[in-house]
PDB file of all heavy atoms in Angstrom:
ATOM      1  N   CYS A   1      12.367 -11.056  -1.444  1.00  0.00           N
ATOM      2  CA  CYS A   1      11.680 -10.162  -2.371  1.00  0.00           C
ATOM      3  C   CYS A   1      11.913 -10.635  -3.796  1.00  0.00           C
ATOM      4  O   CYS A   1      13.004 -11.064  -4.147  1.00  0.00           O
ATOM      5  CB  CYS A   1      12.186  -8.731  -2.222  1.00  0.00           C
ATOM      6  SG  CYS A   1      11.869  -8.044  -0.601  1.00  0.00           S
ATOM      7  N   ASN A   2      10.870 -10.532  -4.623  1.00  0.00           N
ATOM      8  CA  ASN A   2      10.978 -10.970  -6.003  1.00  0.00           C
ATOM      9  C   ASN A   2      10.167 -10.031  -6.868  1.00  0.00           C
ATOM     10  O   ASN A   2       8.966  -9.884  -6.678  1.00  0.00           O
ATOM     11  CB  ASN A   2      10.452 -12.404  -6.138  1.00  0.00           C
ATOM     12  CG  ASN A   2      10.634 -12.944  -7.532  1.00  0.00           C
ATOM     13  OD1 ASN A   2      11.309 -12.338  -8.352  1.00  0.00           O
ATOM     14  ND2 ASN A   2      10.031 -14.075  -7.807  1.00  0.00           N
ATOM     15  N   LYS A   3      10.817  -9.395  -7.842  1.00  0.00           N
ATOM     16  CA  LYS A   3      10.128  -8.501  -8.758  1.00  0.00           C
ATOM     17  C   LYS A   3       9.885  -9.238 -10.057  1.00  0.00           C
ATOM     18  O   LYS A   3      10.803  -9.740 -10.681  1.00  0.00           O
ATOM     19  CB  LYS A   3      10.960  -7.249  -9.013  1.00  0.00           C
ATOM     20  CG  LYS A   3      10.280  -6.258  -9.911  1.00  0.00           C
ATOM     21  CD  LYS A   3      11.092  -5.011 -10.070  1.00  0.00           C
ATOM     22  CE  LYS A   3      10.363  -4.039 -10.976  1.00  0.00           C
ATOM     23  NZ  LYS A   3      11.141  -2.837 -11.191  1.00  0.00           N
ATOM     24  N   ASN A   4       8.626  -9.302 -10.461  1.00  0.00           N
ATOM     25  CA  ASN A   4       8.263  -9.984 -11.688  1.00  0.00           C
ATOM     26  C   ASN A   4       8.412  -9.001 -12.842  1.00  0.00           C
ATOM     27  O   ASN A   4       7.609  -8.099 -13.001  1.00  0.00           O
ATOM     28  CB  ASN A   4       6.828 -10.500 -11.595  1.00  0.00           C
ATOM     29  CG  ASN A   4       6.438 -11.294 -12.814  1.00  0.00           C
ATOM     30  OD1 ASN A   4       7.248 -11.513 -13.699  1.00  0.00           O
ATOM     31  ND2 ASN A   4       5.198 -11.714 -12.852  1.00  0.00           N
ATOM     32  N   THR A   5       9.428  -9.172 -13.678  1.00  0.00           N
ATOM     33  CA  THR A   5       9.677  -8.259 -14.787  1.00  0.00           C
ATOM     34  C   THR A   5       9.193  -8.815 -16.115  1.00  0.00           C
ATOM     35  O   THR A   5       9.281  -8.149 -17.123  1.00  0.00           O
ATOM     36  CB  THR A   5      11.182  -7.956 -14.896  1.00  0.00           C
ATOM     37  OG1 THR A   5      11.887  -9.187 -15.078  1.00  0.00           O
ATOM     38  CG2 THR A   5      11.681  -7.245 -13.665  1.00  0.00           C
ATOM     39  N   LYS A   6       8.663 -10.021 -16.141  1.00  0.00           N
ATOM     40  CA  LYS A   6       8.228 -10.624 -17.396  1.00  0.00           C
ATOM     41  C   LYS A   6       6.772 -10.333 -17.707  1.00  0.00           C
ATOM     42  O   LYS A   6       6.272 -10.718 -18.744  1.00  0.00           O
ATOM     43  CB  LYS A   6       8.469 -12.136 -17.361  1.00  0.00           C
ATOM     44  CG  LYS A   6       9.936 -12.466 -17.249  1.00  0.00           C
ATOM     45  CD  LYS A   6      10.187 -13.931 -17.318  1.00  0.00           C
ATOM     46  CE  LYS A   6      11.688 -14.137 -17.097  1.00  0.00           C
ATOM     47  NZ  LYS A   6      12.179 -15.355 -17.562  1.00  0.00           N
ATOM     48  N   GLY A   7       6.044  -9.675 -16.820  1.00  0.00           N
ATOM     49  CA  GLY A   7       4.660  -9.312 -17.071  1.00  0.00           C
ATOM     50  C   GLY A   7       3.729 -10.504 -17.150  1.00  0.00           C
ATOM     51  O   GLY A   7       2.928 -10.623 -18.055  1.00  0.00           O
ATOM     52  N   SER A   8       3.826 -11.387 -16.206  1.00  0.00           N
ATOM     53  CA  SER A   8       2.994 -12.581 -16.189  1.00  0.00           C
ATOM     54  C   SER A   8       1.518 -12.205 -16.147  1.00  0.00           C
ATOM     55  O   SER A   8       1.094 -11.403 -15.331  1.00  0.00           O
ATOM     56  CB  SER A   8       3.360 -13.436 -14.974  1.00  0.00           C
ATOM     57  OG  SER A   8       2.454 -14.495 -14.841  1.00  0.00           O
ATOM     58  N   SER A   9       0.730 -12.782 -17.055  1.00  0.00           N
ATOM     59  CA  SER A   9      -0.684 -12.444 -17.114  1.00  0.00           C
ATOM     60  C   SER A   9      -1.470 -13.040 -15.948  1.00  0.00           C
ATOM     61  O   SER A   9      -2.574 -12.610 -15.667  1.00  0.00           O
ATOM     62  CB  SER A   9      -1.278 -12.920 -18.436  1.00  0.00           C
ATOM     63  OG  SER A   9      -1.196 -14.326 -18.515  1.00  0.00           O
ATOM     64  N   SER A  10      -0.925 -14.037 -15.263  1.00  0.00           N
ATOM     65  CA  SER A  10      -1.648 -14.635 -14.142  1.00  0.00           C
ATOM     66  C   SER A  10      -1.704 -13.700 -12.938  1.00  0.00           C
ATOM     67  O   SER A  10      -2.521 -13.887 -12.060  1.00  0.00           O
ATOM     68  CB  SER A  10      -1.005 -15.967 -13.747  1.00  0.00           C
ATOM     69  OG  SER A  10       0.293 -15.749 -13.252  1.00  0.00           O
ATOM     70  N   GLN A  11      -0.832 -12.686 -12.896  1.00  0.00           N
ATOM     71  CA  GLN A  11      -0.825 -11.752 -11.783  1.00  0.00           C
ATOM     72  C   GLN A  11      -1.235 -10.355 -12.232  1.00  0.00           C
ATOM     73  O   GLN A  11      -0.994  -9.391 -11.545  1.00  0.00           O
ATOM     74  CB  GLN A  11       0.561 -11.709 -11.153  1.00  0.00           C
ATOM     75  CG  GLN A  11       0.958 -13.011 -10.524  1.00  0.00           C
ATOM     76  CD  GLN A  11       2.337 -12.945  -9.905  1.00  0.00           C
ATOM     77  OE1 GLN A  11       3.030 -11.942  -9.999  1.00  0.00           O
ATOM     78  NE2 GLN A  11       2.754 -14.009  -9.270  1.00  0.00           N
ATOM     79  N   SER A  12      -1.865 -10.232 -13.368  1.00  0.00           N
ATOM     80  CA  SER A  12      -2.233  -8.951 -13.921  1.00  0.00           C
ATOM     81  C   SER A  12      -3.590  -8.489 -13.392  1.00  0.00           C
ATOM     82  O   SER A  12      -4.484  -9.287 -13.160  1.00  0.00           O
ATOM     83  CB  SER A  12      -2.284  -9.058 -15.442  1.00  0.00           C
ATOM     84  OG  SER A  12      -2.726  -7.850 -16.001  1.00  0.00           O
ATOM     85  N   LEU A  13      -3.744  -7.187 -13.226  1.00  0.00           N
ATOM     86  CA  LEU A  13      -5.014  -6.610 -12.800  1.00  0.00           C
ATOM     87  C   LEU A  13      -5.842  -6.137 -13.985  1.00  0.00           C
ATOM     88  O   LEU A  13      -6.948  -5.647 -13.803  1.00  0.00           O
ATOM     89  CB  LEU A  13      -4.761  -5.418 -11.876  1.00  0.00           C
ATOM     90  CG  LEU A  13      -4.308  -5.736 -10.466  1.00  0.00           C
ATOM     91  CD1 LEU A  13      -4.031  -4.449  -9.701  1.00  0.00           C
ATOM     92  CD2 LEU A  13      -5.338  -6.551  -9.735  1.00  0.00           C
ATOM     93  N   LEU A  14      -5.325  -6.265 -15.196  1.00  0.00           N
ATOM     94  CA  LEU A  14      -6.035  -5.785 -16.365  1.00  0.00           C
ATOM     95  C   LEU A  14      -7.363  -6.508 -16.529  1.00  0.00           C
ATOM     96  O   LEU A  14      -7.466  -7.701 -16.292  1.00  0.00           O
ATOM     97  CB  LEU A  14      -5.183  -5.980 -17.624  1.00  0.00           C
ATOM     98  CG  LEU A  14      -3.873  -5.207 -17.678  1.00  0.00           C
ATOM     99  CD1 LEU A  14      -3.130  -5.527 -18.957  1.00  0.00           C
ATOM    100  CD2 LEU A  14      -4.116  -3.721 -17.557  1.00  0.00           C
ATOM    101  N   GLY A  15      -8.375  -5.758 -16.936  1.00  0.00           N
ATOM    102  CA  GLY A  15      -9.695  -6.341 -17.144  1.00  0.00           C
ATOM    103  C   GLY A  15     -10.727  -5.688 -16.240  1.00  0.00           C
ATOM    104  O   GLY A  15     -10.496  -4.650 -15.643  1.00  0.00           O
ATOM    105  N   THR A  16     -11.883  -6.303 -16.140  1.00  0.00           N
ATOM    106  CA  THR A  16     -12.988  -5.787 -15.333  1.00  0.00           C
ATOM    107  C   THR A  16     -13.154  -6.642 -14.085  1.00  0.00           C
ATOM    108  O   THR A  16     -13.192  -7.862 -14.159  1.00  0.00           O
ATOM    109  CB  THR A  16     -14.295  -5.782 -16.145  1.00  0.00           C
ATOM    110  OG1 THR A  16     -14.096  -4.972 -17.305  1.00  0.00           O
ATOM    111  CG2 THR A  16     -15.439  -5.212 -15.333  1.00  0.00           C
ATOM    112  N   TRP A  17     -13.247  -5.963 -12.952  1.00  0.00           N
ATOM    113  CA  TRP A  17     -13.382  -6.619 -11.656  1.00  0.00           C
ATOM    114  C   TRP A  17     -14.654  -6.119 -10.988  1.00  0.00           C
ATOM    115  O   TRP A  17     -15.027  -4.967 -11.106  1.00  0.00           O
ATOM    116  CB  TRP A  17     -12.182  -6.290 -10.771  1.00  0.00           C
ATOM    117  CG  TRP A  17     -10.901  -6.821 -11.293  1.00  0.00           C
ATOM    118  CD1 TRP A  17     -10.162  -6.300 -12.310  1.00  0.00           C
ATOM    119  CD2 TRP A  17     -10.208  -7.972 -10.848  1.00  0.00           C
ATOM    120  NE1 TRP A  17      -9.041  -7.065 -12.509  1.00  0.00           N
ATOM    121  CE2 TRP A  17      -9.045  -8.095 -11.633  1.00  0.00           C
ATOM    122  CE3 TRP A  17     -10.458  -8.915  -9.870  1.00  0.00           C
ATOM    123  CZ2 TRP A  17      -8.153  -9.128 -11.450  1.00  0.00           C
ATOM    124  CZ3 TRP A  17      -9.547  -9.945  -9.693  1.00  0.00           C
ATOM    125  CH2 TRP A  17      -8.410 -10.043 -10.476  1.00  0.00           C
ATOM    126  N   GLU A  18     -15.314  -6.999 -10.250  1.00  0.00           N
ATOM    127  CA  GLU A  18     -16.532  -6.642  -9.531  1.00  0.00           C
ATOM    128  C   GLU A  18     -16.316  -6.778  -8.029  1.00  0.00           C
ATOM    129  O   GLU A  18     -15.732  -7.753  -7.565  1.00  0.00           O
ATOM    130  CB  GLU A  18     -17.682  -7.552  -9.957  1.00  0.00           C
ATOM    131  CG  GLU A  18     -18.998  -7.190  -9.312  1.00  0.00           C
ATOM    132  CD  GLU A  18     -20.130  -8.068  -9.804  1.00  0.00           C
ATOM    133  OE1 GLU A  18     -19.910  -9.284  -9.960  1.00  0.00           O
ATOM    134  OE2 GLU A  18     -21.205  -7.527 -10.024  1.00  0.00           O
ATOM    135  N   LEU A  19     -16.788  -5.789  -7.277  1.00  0.00           N
ATOM    136  CA  LEU A  19     -16.691  -5.822  -5.817  1.00  0.00           C
ATOM    137  C   LEU A  19     -17.582  -6.931  -5.282  1.00  0.00           C
ATOM    138  O   LEU A  19     -18.769  -6.987  -5.579  1.00  0.00           O
ATOM    139  CB  LEU A  19     -17.115  -4.472  -5.232  1.00  0.00           C
ATOM    140  CG  LEU A  19     -17.041  -4.339  -3.714  1.00  0.00           C
ATOM    141  CD1 LEU A  19     -15.594  -4.415  -3.250  1.00  0.00           C
ATOM    142  CD2 LEU A  19     -17.678  -3.049  -3.273  1.00  0.00           C
ATOM    143  N   ARG A  20     -17.016  -7.835  -4.509  1.00  0.00           N
ATOM    144  CA  ARG A  20     -17.779  -8.971  -3.984  1.00  0.00           C
ATOM    145  C   ARG A  20     -17.956  -8.914  -2.473  1.00  0.00           C
ATOM    146  O   ARG A  20     -18.812  -9.587  -1.921  1.00  0.00           O
ATOM    147  CB  ARG A  20     -17.085 -10.290  -4.348  1.00  0.00           C
ATOM    148  CG  ARG A  20     -17.003 -10.551  -5.825  1.00  0.00           C
ATOM    149  CD  ARG A  20     -18.377 -10.629  -6.474  1.00  0.00           C
ATOM    150  NE  ARG A  20     -19.245 -11.616  -5.904  1.00  0.00           N
ATOM    151  CZ  ARG A  20     -19.343 -12.868  -6.284  1.00  0.00           C
ATOM    152  NH1 ARG A  20     -18.617 -13.307  -7.273  1.00  0.00           N
ATOM    153  NH2 ARG A  20     -20.175 -13.682  -5.685  1.00  0.00           N
ATOM    154  N   ALA A  21     -17.119  -8.124  -1.782  1.00  0.00           N
ATOM    155  CA  ALA A  21     -17.243  -8.019  -0.326  1.00  0.00           C
ATOM    156  C   ALA A  21     -16.800  -6.631   0.107  1.00  0.00           C
ATOM    157  O   ALA A  21     -15.975  -5.999  -0.534  1.00  0.00           O
ATOM    158  CB  ALA A  21     -16.399  -9.083   0.364  1.00  0.00           C
ATOM    159  N   SER A  22     -17.378  -6.163   1.192  1.00  0.00           N
ATOM    160  CA  SER A  22     -17.069  -4.840   1.712  1.00  0.00           C
ATOM    161  C   SER A  22     -17.008  -4.887   3.231  1.00  0.00           C
ATOM    162  O   SER A  22     -17.818  -5.554   3.864  1.00  0.00           O
ATOM    163  CB  SER A  22     -18.147  -3.854   1.251  1.00  0.00           C
ATOM    164  OG  SER A  22     -17.943  -2.595   1.826  1.00  0.00           O
ATOM    165  N   GLN A  23     -16.036  -4.159   3.782  1.00  0.00           N
ATOM    166  CA  GLN A  23     -15.922  -4.075   5.236  1.00  0.00           C
ATOM    167  C   GLN A  23     -15.452  -2.679   5.581  1.00  0.00           C
ATOM    168  O   GLN A  23     -14.569  -2.132   4.951  1.00  0.00           O
ATOM    169  CB  GLN A  23     -14.943  -5.106   5.772  1.00  0.00           C
ATOM    170  CG  GLN A  23     -14.873  -5.120   7.274  1.00  0.00           C
ATOM    171  CD  GLN A  23     -13.997  -6.241   7.803  1.00  0.00           C
ATOM    172  OE1 GLN A  23     -13.281  -6.879   7.064  1.00  0.00           O
ATOM    173  NE2 GLN A  23     -14.070  -6.476   9.081  1.00  0.00           N
ATOM    174  N   SER A  24     -16.056  -2.085   6.595  1.00  0.00           N
ATOM    175  CA  SER A  24     -15.709  -0.743   7.004  1.00  0.00           C
ATOM    176  C   SER A  24     -15.474  -0.721   8.504  1.00  0.00           C
ATOM    177  O   SER A  24     -16.355  -1.104   9.275  1.00  0.00           O
ATOM    178  CB  SER A  24     -16.836   0.211   6.631  1.00  0.00           C
ATOM    179  OG  SER A  24     -16.536   1.508   7.074  1.00  0.00           O
ATOM    180  N   SER A  25     -14.302  -0.281   8.881  1.00  0.00           N
ATOM    181  CA  SER A  25     -13.938  -0.131  10.288  1.00  0.00           C
ATOM    182  C   SER A  25     -14.178  -1.434  11.048  1.00  0.00           C
ATOM    183  O   SER A  25     -13.656  -2.466  10.681  1.00  0.00           O
ATOM    184  CB  SER A  25     -14.708   1.036  10.892  1.00  0.00           C
ATOM    185  OG  SER A  25     -14.284   1.284  12.205  1.00  0.00           O
ATOM    186  N   MET A  26     -14.992  -1.410  12.070  1.00  0.00           N
ATOM    187  CA  MET A  26     -15.227  -2.603  12.876  1.00  0.00           C
ATOM    188  C   MET A  26     -16.542  -3.293  12.529  1.00  0.00           C
ATOM    189  O   MET A  26     -16.971  -4.204  13.219  1.00  0.00           O
ATOM    190  CB  MET A  26     -15.180  -2.243  14.361  1.00  0.00           C
ATOM    191  CG  MET A  26     -13.808  -1.769  14.787  1.00  0.00           C
ATOM    192  SD  MET A  26     -13.655  -1.490  16.541  1.00  0.00           S
ATOM    193  CE  MET A  26     -13.902  -3.111  17.193  1.00  0.00           C
ATOM    194  N   LEU A  27     -17.194  -2.859  11.445  1.00  0.00           N
ATOM    195  CA  LEU A  27     -18.428  -3.509  11.016  1.00  0.00           C
ATOM    196  C   LEU A  27     -18.103  -4.862  10.402  1.00  0.00           C
ATOM    197  O   LEU A  27     -17.023  -5.064   9.846  1.00  0.00           O
ATOM    198  CB  LEU A  27     -19.156  -2.631   9.993  1.00  0.00           C
ATOM    199  CG  LEU A  27     -19.624  -1.274  10.517  1.00  0.00           C
ATOM    200  CD1 LEU A  27     -20.220  -0.461   9.392  1.00  0.00           C
ATOM    201  CD2 LEU A  27     -20.628  -1.453  11.634  1.00  0.00           C
ATOM    202  N   PRO A  28     -19.019  -5.803  10.455  1.00  0.00           N
ATOM    203  CA  PRO A  28     -18.739  -7.125   9.886  1.00  0.00           C
ATOM    204  C   PRO A  28     -18.658  -7.076   8.359  1.00  0.00           C
ATOM    205  O   PRO A  28     -19.168  -6.158   7.719  1.00  0.00           O
ATOM    206  CB  PRO A  28     -19.919  -7.976  10.340  1.00  0.00           C
ATOM    207  CG  PRO A  28     -20.984  -7.006  10.677  1.00  0.00           C
ATOM    208  CD  PRO A  28     -20.311  -5.744  11.105  1.00  0.00           C
TER     209      PRO A  28
END
């Protein structure tokens, strides 16, 4: 286990993201 306490921007979720794929239950 490794906790990143330096706030690396390469692993940040900040910003705008767009959904590119969707899957529900057993549907493809």
